[in-house]
Amino acid sequence: MNKLLLAVSLLFPCSSVFAGPACGGVKQLFFSPDNRYFAALWGDSGNIISFGTYKDRKFHRSVNLRSPCLYAISPDSKRVAASLQLENKLLMLSLNGEMLQVIEAGSVLAVSKKFNYVATSGSELDDRILTVHSFSGGRLSPVFKLSGMADIGLVEFSPDERFLAYEYSRAANNGRFYVQFMNVIDLKTGRSAAQFSAPDGGNSQITALYFSPDSKMLVYGSEIGTVRLLSAKDWKTVRTIKGSGPAAAAIRISNSGAQMAVMYWAGTREINIYSMPGFKLIHSEGYGPGLSDIEFSHDSKELGVLFSNGKLNFLNLGRLAAKTVDGER
């Protein structure tokens, strides 16, 4: 397949780069609900947030921040939720990259798609604490706290804001090893709706966590590439796509519900696209080590493929041909 149908080189107006930690488990590519804009987190240290317009497939503005993470674009397509992890600040940016608001917070883990909830983490003695806050009028108000964890990993709100799924670890009975679990919390009650051991009795790592756009399925992937889809009605497995490595690093389902894309990320990196509901493999392609994230456009016509150097491919799902925006610092 000819991947490069269109290449546009952009010079981003960025200042000097500050070193900072990567956003483990946090999405790096977003399309706005009105399908007019996109935002991407990239760079050698993941410190650059770029903003583009979907109509011309171009980045128009970039900002360089210290240890940023990206979480969501607001339902009105006017704000981007981000954070400064080293400074425990939640940020609201415009789709032009302007700073709208800085909010004191803990270490931000996730922001719900409707911008009504924010999840943060903190520590008390030897415990990691996950706190869910309501978010209104630019203020965070704690709703409930979850404790008893050695570490907190992937965190995901369901789009309808009914549930919060998160992956965590705690010490095994012998106290020598850590076992991984996944919990689903009902946001109305703060109680667990379902709990699972990680694959292979808790010894295999969960590497991807995702709710479908209609909130009807919770999907997770493992370090050996297996993908499981659970019904949000009873949390039973409805489909398993077995893998033999590399790890399933990102899973996305189109808003139309017609496709699911899985990004595999280890020694080799590739993207598989499956038709739904039959889960027939309709496209598979290998990529270099710079592959960073994937996301469907809001109209479900294209799959965005992001690279750590700022390159953004647009894979046309109808023709399975790619258009590319190529960025430079």
Foldseek 3Di string as FASTA:
>chain_A
DAFAPAEDEDEEPEDDADAAAAQAQAAAKDAALVLFKIWGFFAPRRFKIWIDTRVVQETDHIYGDAQKTWAEQANVNFWTWMARQVQQWIWIAGSRGHTDDIHHHARWQHAARNRQKTWHWDDDDQKIKIWIFGADPNDTHTDDIDIDFNFWHHWDAQNVRQKIKTKTWDADPVRPDIFIKMFIAGPVVRDTPDIGGDPPRRPWDWQHWDAANVNQWIWTWTQQGKIFIAGPVNRDTPDIDDGRDHTFNYWYAAPVRQKIKTWGADPWIKIWIAGPDVRHTDDIDTDDNQFDHWYARNVRQWIWTAGNQGKIWTQGPVVRYIYIYGYHD
